[in-house]
Protein backbone atom coordinates (compact mmCIF):
# COMPACT_ATOMS: atom_id res chain seq x y z
CA UNK A 1 90.40 97.55 52.71
CA UNK A 2 87.05 96.02 51.92
CA UNK A 3 83.65 97.64 52.19
CA UNK A 4 80.48 95.93 51.05
CA UNK A 5 76.80 96.78 51.30
CA UNK A 6 73.85 94.39 51.04
CA UNK A 7 70.47 96.13 51.09
CA UNK A 8 66.98 94.73 50.70
CA UNK A 9 65.08 98.00 50.34
CA UNK A 10 65.87 101.38 48.79
CA UNK A 11 64.49 103.38 51.73
CA UNK A 12 66.52 101.45 54.30
CA UNK A 13 69.61 101.64 52.09
CA UNK A 14 69.41 105.41 51.74
CA UNK A 15 68.74 105.92 55.44
CA UNK A 16 71.62 103.76 56.65
CA UNK A 17 74.09 105.04 54.06
CA UNK A 18 73.41 108.64 55.10
CA UNK A 19 73.75 107.83 58.79
CA UNK A 20 77.06 106.00 58.71
CA UNK A 21 78.63 108.30 56.14
CA UNK A 22 77.58 111.60 57.76
CA UNK A 23 76.46 111.00 61.37
CA UNK A 24 75.81 114.66 62.17
CA UNK A 25 72.92 113.75 64.47
CA UNK A 26 74.43 110.56 65.87
CA UNK A 27 75.41 112.04 69.19
CA UNK A 28 74.48 111.08 72.78
CA UNK A 29 71.45 113.38 72.44
CA UNK A 30 69.69 111.28 69.79
CA UNK A 31 65.97 110.64 70.18
CA UNK A 32 64.94 107.84 72.52
CA UNK A 33 61.37 107.01 71.48
CA UNK A 34 59.90 103.56 71.09
CA UNK A 35 60.38 102.34 67.50
CA UNK A 36 57.73 100.59 65.43
CA UNK A 37 59.59 99.55 62.27
CA UNK A 38 58.54 97.19 59.53
CA UNK A 39 59.73 93.55 59.59
CA UNK A 40 63.39 92.93 58.81
CA UNK A 41 64.15 92.61 55.09
CA UNK A 42 65.17 89.06 54.22
CA UNK A 43 68.51 89.22 52.33
CA UNK A 44 70.32 91.21 55.03
CA UNK A 45 68.61 89.76 58.11
CA UNK A 46 70.62 88.46 61.05
CA UNK A 47 67.31 87.97 62.87
CA UNK A 48 63.79 89.37 62.83
CA UNK A 49 65.10 92.52 64.53
CA UNK A 50 68.64 93.00 63.16
CA UNK A 51 69.90 93.58 59.62
CA UNK A 52 73.55 93.50 58.56
CA UNK A 53 74.13 96.63 56.48
CA UNK A 54 77.85 96.82 55.71
CA UNK A 55 81.33 96.24 56.99
CA UNK A 56 84.66 97.95 56.46
CA UNK A 57 88.27 96.92 57.08
CA UNK A 58 89.59 100.35 56.09
CA UNK A 59 91.22 100.92 59.50
CA UNK A 60 92.89 97.51 59.60
CA UNK A 61 96.68 97.95 60.12
CA UNK A 62 96.30 101.54 58.95
CA UNK A 63 99.33 103.75 59.64
CA UNK A 64 98.44 107.40 60.23
CA UNK A 65 100.49 110.24 61.72
CA UNK A 66 103.35 107.80 62.30
CA UNK A 67 101.37 105.30 64.38
CA UNK A 68 99.42 102.13 63.63
CA UNK A 69 95.67 102.07 64.20
CA UNK A 70 95.15 98.86 66.17
CA UNK A 71 93.84 97.41 69.41
CA UNK A 72 90.53 99.32 69.28
CA UNK A 73 88.03 98.09 71.90
CA UNK A 74 85.61 101.03 71.92
CA UNK A 75 83.70 103.44 69.72
CA UNK A 76 81.89 106.67 70.62
CA UNK A 77 80.66 109.84 68.92
CA UNK A 78 82.61 113.04 69.67
CA UNK A 79 80.33 115.96 68.86
CA UNK A 80 83.12 118.53 69.26
CA UNK A 81 85.14 116.90 66.46
CA UNK A 82 82.09 115.63 64.61
CA UNK A 83 84.00 112.37 64.41
CA UNK A 84 84.04 108.88 65.89
CA UNK A 85 86.64 108.07 68.52
CA UNK A 86 88.17 104.78 69.67
CA UNK A 87 90.79 104.09 72.32
CA UNK A 88 93.82 101.84 71.99
CA UNK A 89 93.48 99.27 74.77
CA UNK A 90 97.09 98.25 75.42
CA UNK A 91 100.20 97.58 73.35
CA UNK A 92 103.34 97.36 75.44
CA UNK A 93 105.00 100.72 75.99
CA UNK A 94 102.93 102.41 73.26
CA UNK A 95 101.09 105.40 74.79
CA UNK A 96 97.36 105.05 75.37
CA UNK A 97 95.78 106.77 72.37
CA UNK A 98 92.35 107.99 71.33
CA UNK A 99 91.92 107.84 67.55
CA UNK A 100 89.47 110.01 65.56
CA UNK A 101 87.88 109.07 62.23
CA UNK A 102 84.84 109.75 60.05
CA UNK A 103 82.44 107.71 57.89
CA UNK A 104 81.70 104.30 59.36
CA UNK A 105 81.13 102.79 55.91
CA UNK A 106 84.70 103.65 54.85
CA UNK A 107 86.47 105.27 57.82
CA UNK A 108 89.27 107.81 57.39
CA UNK A 109 91.51 108.97 60.25
CA UNK A 110 91.04 112.70 60.80
CA UNK A 111 93.51 113.70 63.51
CA UNK A 112 96.76 112.62 65.10
CA UNK A 113 95.97 110.33 68.04
CA UNK A 114 95.31 112.01 71.38
CA UNK A 115 97.66 110.71 74.08
CA UNK A 116 96.00 110.05 77.46
CA UNK A 117 98.11 111.36 80.34
CA UNK A 118 98.24 111.55 84.10
CA UNK A 119 97.68 114.89 85.78
CA UNK A 120 101.46 115.44 85.80
CA UNK A 121 101.64 114.93 82.02
CA UNK A 122 103.06 111.39 82.10
CA UNK A 123 101.46 109.25 79.37
CA UNK A 124 99.59 106.10 80.30
CA UNK A 125 100.84 103.06 78.38
CA UNK A 126 100.12 99.38 77.89
CA UNK A 127 102.86 98.06 80.12
CA UNK A 128 102.68 95.42 82.83
CA UNK A 129 100.78 96.74 85.84
CA UNK A 130 103.10 94.82 88.19
CA UNK A 131 106.18 96.74 87.04
CA UNK A 132 104.88 99.80 85.21
CA UNK A 133 103.26 102.59 87.30
CA UNK A 134 101.81 104.11 84.11
CA UNK A 135 100.12 100.91 82.91
CA UNK A 136 96.54 100.99 81.67
CA UNK A 137 94.31 98.79 79.52
CA UNK A 138 91.70 101.19 78.16
CA UNK A 139 88.76 99.05 77.06
CA UNK A 140 85.80 101.46 77.32
CA UNK A 141 85.34 104.99 75.97
CA UNK A 142 82.46 107.47 76.16
CA UNK A 143 82.18 111.23 75.63
CA UNK A 144 80.38 113.53 78.07
CA UNK A 145 78.32 116.56 76.95
CA UNK A 146 81.16 118.90 77.94
CA UNK A 147 83.52 117.01 75.62
CA UNK A 148 85.41 115.16 78.35
CA UNK A 149 86.45 111.58 77.67
CA UNK A 150 85.42 108.83 80.10
CA UNK A 151 87.75 105.84 79.87
CA UNK A 152 87.58 102.51 81.69
CA UNK A 153 90.78 100.55 82.21
CA UNK A 154 90.61 96.91 83.25
CA UNK A 155 94.05 96.66 84.82
CA UNK A 156 93.05 98.03 88.25
CA UNK A 157 90.19 98.50 87.22
CA UNK A 158 89.50 102.24 86.98
CA UNK A 159 87.21 104.78 85.34
CA UNK A 160 89.02 108.01 84.54
CA UNK A 161 87.85 111.32 83.07
CA UNK A 162 90.18 113.18 80.70
CA UNK A 163 89.98 116.69 79.31
CA UNK A 164 90.12 117.58 75.63
CA UNK A 165 93.89 117.85 75.98
CA UNK A 166 94.09 114.21 77.09
CA UNK A 167 95.11 115.07 80.66
CA UNK A 168 93.32 113.24 83.47
CA UNK A 169 91.15 115.50 85.61
CA UNK A 170 89.08 113.07 87.69
CA UNK A 171 88.28 109.44 88.40
CA UNK A 172 85.13 107.63 89.52
CA UNK A 173 84.91 105.51 92.68
CA UNK A 174 85.11 101.76 92.06
CA UNK A 175 84.17 99.40 94.94
CA UNK A 176 87.09 97.54 96.51
CA UNK A 177 85.81 94.07 95.56
CA UNK A 178 86.06 94.97 91.86
CA UNK A 179 89.88 94.99 92.07
CA UNK A 180 91.76 92.08 90.51
CA UNK A 181 92.24 89.16 92.89
CA UNK A 182 95.68 89.29 94.45
CA UNK A 183 96.23 92.98 93.73
CA UNK A 184 94.40 93.94 96.93
CA UNK A 185 93.06 92.03 99.93
CA UNK A 186 89.44 92.68 98.89
CA UNK A 187 89.81 92.04 95.13
CA UNK A 188 87.45 89.47 93.55
CA UNK A 189 87.84 90.21 89.83
CA UNK A 190 89.65 88.08 87.27
CA UNK A 191 92.58 89.73 85.50
CA UNK A 192 91.65 90.90 81.98
CA UNK A 193 87.94 90.51 82.76
CA UNK A 194 87.01 93.63 84.70
CA UNK A 195 85.46 96.95 83.55
CA UNK A 196 85.30 96.55 79.79
CA UNK A 197 81.91 97.91 78.75
CA UNK A 198 81.22 101.66 79.14
CA UNK A 199 78.51 104.04 77.98
CA UNK A 200 76.89 107.40 78.72
CA UNK A 201 73.13 107.86 78.42
CA UNK A 202 71.81 110.24 75.75
CA UNK A 203 71.10 113.00 78.31
CA UNK A 204 74.71 112.74 79.51
CA UNK A 205 73.67 112.30 83.15
CA UNK A 206 74.37 108.61 83.70
CA UNK A 207 77.51 106.53 83.15
CA UNK A 208 77.16 102.75 83.02
CA UNK A 209 80.16 100.42 83.28
CA UNK A 210 79.96 96.64 82.84
CA UNK A 211 82.12 93.88 84.25
CA UNK A 212 83.37 91.57 81.52
CA UNK A 213 83.48 88.62 83.89
CA UNK A 214 81.86 87.62 87.17
CA UNK A 215 83.39 88.44 90.54
CA UNK A 216 84.61 85.34 92.36
CA UNK A 217 82.20 86.23 95.17
CA UNK A 218 79.28 86.06 92.73
CA UNK A 219 79.93 82.50 91.56
CA UNK A 220 77.18 80.20 92.84
CA UNK A 221 77.81 77.19 95.03
CA UNK A 222 77.22 75.03 91.93
CA UNK A 223 79.83 76.94 89.92
CA UNK A 224 77.49 79.19 87.92
CA UNK A 225 79.49 82.28 86.86
CA UNK A 226 76.89 84.06 84.74
CA UNK A 227 76.12 86.93 87.16
CA UNK A 228 77.85 90.12 86.05
CA UNK A 229 77.64 93.50 87.76
CA UNK A 230 76.91 96.82 86.09
CA UNK A 231 77.97 100.01 87.87
CA UNK A 232 75.59 102.95 87.44
CA UNK A 233 76.94 106.45 88.15
CA UNK A 234 74.81 109.60 88.23
CA UNK A 235 75.83 113.25 88.15
CA UNK A 236 74.89 115.60 90.97
CA UNK A 237 73.87 119.25 90.79
CA UNK A 238 77.46 120.43 91.06
CA UNK A 239 78.81 118.07 88.41
CA UNK A 240 80.23 115.40 90.72
CA UNK A 241 79.74 111.74 89.85
CA UNK A 242 78.59 109.21 92.45
CA UNK A 243 78.00 105.47 92.30
CA UNK A 244 74.20 105.28 92.50
CA UNK A 245 73.60 101.53 92.25
CA UNK A 246 74.81 98.18 91.01
CA UNK A 247 72.73 95.99 88.69
CA UNK A 248 72.88 92.27 88.00
CA UNK A 249 73.01 91.06 84.40
CA UNK A 250 73.06 87.32 83.69
CA UNK A 251 74.91 86.27 80.55
CA UNK A 252 74.33 83.04 78.69
CA UNK A 253 76.66 80.30 79.94
CA UNK A 254 80.25 80.76 78.82
CA UNK A 255 79.77 84.33 77.58
CA UNK A 256 81.48 87.57 78.64
CA UNK A 257 80.42 91.22 78.30
CA UNK A 258 82.75 93.21 76.02
CA UNK A 259 80.48 96.24 75.65
CA UNK A 260 77.27 98.04 76.56
CA UNK A 261 75.77 101.06 74.79
CA UNK A 262 72.78 103.20 75.81
CA UNK A 263 69.97 103.76 73.33
CA UNK A 264 67.79 105.76 75.73
CA UNK A 265 68.20 107.25 79.18
CA UNK A 266 66.84 104.02 80.66
CA UNK A 267 67.90 101.27 78.24
CA UNK A 268 71.05 99.68 76.87
CA UNK A 269 72.21 97.14 74.31
CA UNK A 270 74.50 94.52 75.83
CA UNK A 271 77.00 92.56 73.77
CA UNK A 272 77.81 89.03 74.91
CA UNK A 273 80.77 87.26 73.33
CA UNK A 274 83.02 84.23 73.46
CA UNK A 275 85.83 82.68 71.41
CA UNK A 276 87.08 79.13 70.88
CA UNK A 277 89.46 77.81 68.25
CA UNK A 278 86.88 75.31 66.97
CA UNK A 279 84.02 77.81 66.65
CA UNK A 280 85.68 81.20 66.31
CA UNK A 281 83.96 84.28 67.68
CA UNK A 282 80.44 84.15 69.05
CA UNK A 283 78.60 87.46 69.41
CA UNK A 284 75.04 87.99 70.65
CA UNK A 285 73.17 91.25 71.23
CA UNK A 286 70.49 91.84 73.88
CA UNK A 287 68.37 94.84 74.88
CA UNK A 288 67.73 95.78 78.51
CA UNK A 289 65.08 98.34 79.51
CA UNK A 290 64.04 99.85 82.82
CA UNK A 291 67.43 100.42 84.38
CA UNK A 292 66.11 103.07 86.75
CA UNK A 293 63.63 100.61 88.30
CA UNK A 294 65.99 97.62 88.34
CA UNK A 295 67.01 96.22 91.72
CA UNK A 296 70.11 97.67 93.37
CA UNK A 297 72.31 94.70 94.24
CA UNK A 298 75.11 96.68 95.91
CA UNK A 299 74.51 94.94 99.24
CA UNK A 300 74.05 91.44 97.83
CA UNK A 301 77.21 89.52 98.72
CA UNK A 302 76.79 86.62 96.29
CA UNK A 303 74.58 87.11 93.25
CA UNK A 304 75.13 83.52 92.14
CA UNK A 305 73.15 82.18 95.09
CA UNK A 306 70.66 85.07 95.26
CA UNK A 307 67.16 85.21 93.79
CA UNK A 308 67.25 85.16 89.98
CA UNK A 309 64.55 87.85 90.03
CA UNK A 310 67.19 90.42 90.97
CA UNK A 311 68.73 90.29 87.50
CA UNK A 312 67.59 92.72 84.82
CA UNK A 313 65.43 91.25 82.08
CA UNK A 314 67.12 90.94 78.69
CA UNK A 315 65.53 90.68 75.24
CA UNK A 316 67.43 88.77 72.55
CA UNK A 317 68.15 90.76 69.40
CA UNK A 318 70.43 88.55 67.31
CA UNK A 319 73.27 86.07 67.20
CA UNK A 320 75.60 87.70 64.68
CA UNK A 321 76.80 84.33 63.36
CA UNK A 322 73.38 84.20 61.67
CA UNK A 323 74.09 87.38 59.66
CA UNK A 324 74.87 87.18 55.93
CA UNK A 325 78.64 87.11 55.35
CA UNK A 326 78.55 90.26 53.16
CA UNK A 327 81.53 88.69 51.36
CA UNK A 328 83.85 89.39 54.31
CA UNK A 329 87.17 87.53 54.59
CA UNK A 330 88.43 85.86 57.77
CA UNK A 331 92.06 85.50 58.85
CA UNK A 332 91.34 82.72 61.36
CA UNK A 333 88.62 80.11 61.58
CA UNK A 334 85.15 81.62 61.93
CA UNK A 335 81.73 79.99 61.67
CA UNK A 336 80.81 83.20 59.82
CA UNK A 337 83.74 85.09 58.22
CA UNK A 338 82.01 88.39 58.96
CA UNK A 339 82.72 87.89 62.65
CA UNK A 340 85.79 89.08 64.47
CA UNK A 341 86.70 90.11 68.00
CA UNK A 342 84.01 92.81 68.30
CA UNK A 343 84.57 94.70 71.56
CA UNK A 344 83.29 98.23 70.88
CA UNK A 345 79.70 99.25 70.07
CA UNK A 346 77.77 102.47 69.57
CA UNK A 347 74.24 103.50 68.71
CA UNK A 348 74.72 105.80 65.74
CA UNK A 349 71.23 107.34 65.58
CA UNK A 350 67.67 106.81 64.37
CA UNK A 351 66.88 105.45 60.92
CA UNK A 352 63.82 105.84 58.74
CA UNK A 353 61.14 103.39 59.75
CA UNK A 354 62.02 103.69 63.43
CA UNK A 355 65.12 101.54 63.51
CA UNK A 356 68.45 102.42 65.08
CA UNK A 357 71.86 102.33 63.51
CA UNK A 358 74.29 100.27 65.61
CA UNK A 359 77.97 99.85 64.76
CA UNK A 360 80.54 97.50 66.27
CA UNK A 361 84.34 97.64 66.02
CA UNK A 362 86.71 94.72 66.50
CA UNK A 363 89.92 94.66 68.51
CA UNK A 364 92.64 93.05 66.40
CA UNK A 365 94.82 92.54 69.51
CA UNK A 366 97.67 93.98 67.42
CA UNK A 367 97.73 90.62 65.62
CA UNK A 368 98.25 89.83 61.94
CA UNK A 369 95.62 87.09 62.33
CA UNK A 370 92.77 89.48 63.20
CA UNK A 371 91.07 92.49 61.60
CA UNK A 372 90.19 95.93 62.84
CA UNK A 373 86.69 95.76 61.37
CA UNK A 374 83.60 97.95 61.61
CA UNK A 375 80.23 96.24 61.25
CA UNK A 376 77.16 98.39 60.64
CA UNK A 377 73.71 97.12 61.61
CA UNK A 378 70.10 98.33 61.49
CA UNK A 379 68.31 97.27 64.67
CA UNK A 380 64.71 97.25 65.90
CA UNK A 381 64.82 97.89 69.63
CA UNK A 382 62.11 97.34 72.26
């Protein structure tokens, strides 16, 4: 376990340390005003708008309550437990878990993992979808105001809602074309590149799910595959969830979307990522505002050949390879050893000076060559 802090100012240090150690107010109801912070301090700057605060490998290969903490692709705040939660994505016949822990600067597991189950009590697991009727690959996790867990699985894909007991009680409608190609006649998604990002807005009334890759029907005639769809669900007066619209988000070439996280009721941070053996992990963060006014592209058959003005506008925040290393080790080649396979992200609350705390968690893919790592940032958002 390694935890290291690099701070450039006492006020920022105290603010961030309090937030990640005791995030009592870091729930989906955090304030959503427009920040006006001071310029980024130099020694910890990843960019003019993002500072690297600390990292921790305390959860890496941790064994708790008889199970290994691994394969974490999500992070969310659970107000009922006053703890952070992350879901195991998939690991063979291991049940699909939700882990709970506190203190993002040096996380400690607080409860035995919650097993996610079908309505009949059968646990979901990480088996092969072709042969295992209980298979799931739980990549996204969010917590609703009533304490229910929203979980996106990219095997089908699906978005399921589970009670506090871990038993499934509902699911959200996913359009037929979002199914994996070959699994259904209408499917256009690539296996292992479907609904990975998931978030709930601070008021708890909107769920946003992001496609990791582009649908085959959205690839342009020239082969451009940068158009990704976001599904936006809203809650009706009687608590039912409906698919309200689809949005287009264009990644940089060669990038995927592992995660999205809301920082207001109308804005999200989007993570773009890629990996190659010669470069290692690439991770970039962008802010997107004005979701409610963004064009609904539900009826657009091919986004790749449609007007580029349909896509939401993104504002670059940082390329995390430009962050200071904070003394972090790497188990495989990385252009910056601080980087790993970051696939989960959460806004942890407001900081002094108007910044936001943002934390990312890496999925170690149950591999000895990767870390389960938490990276804590201070971010100026538009």
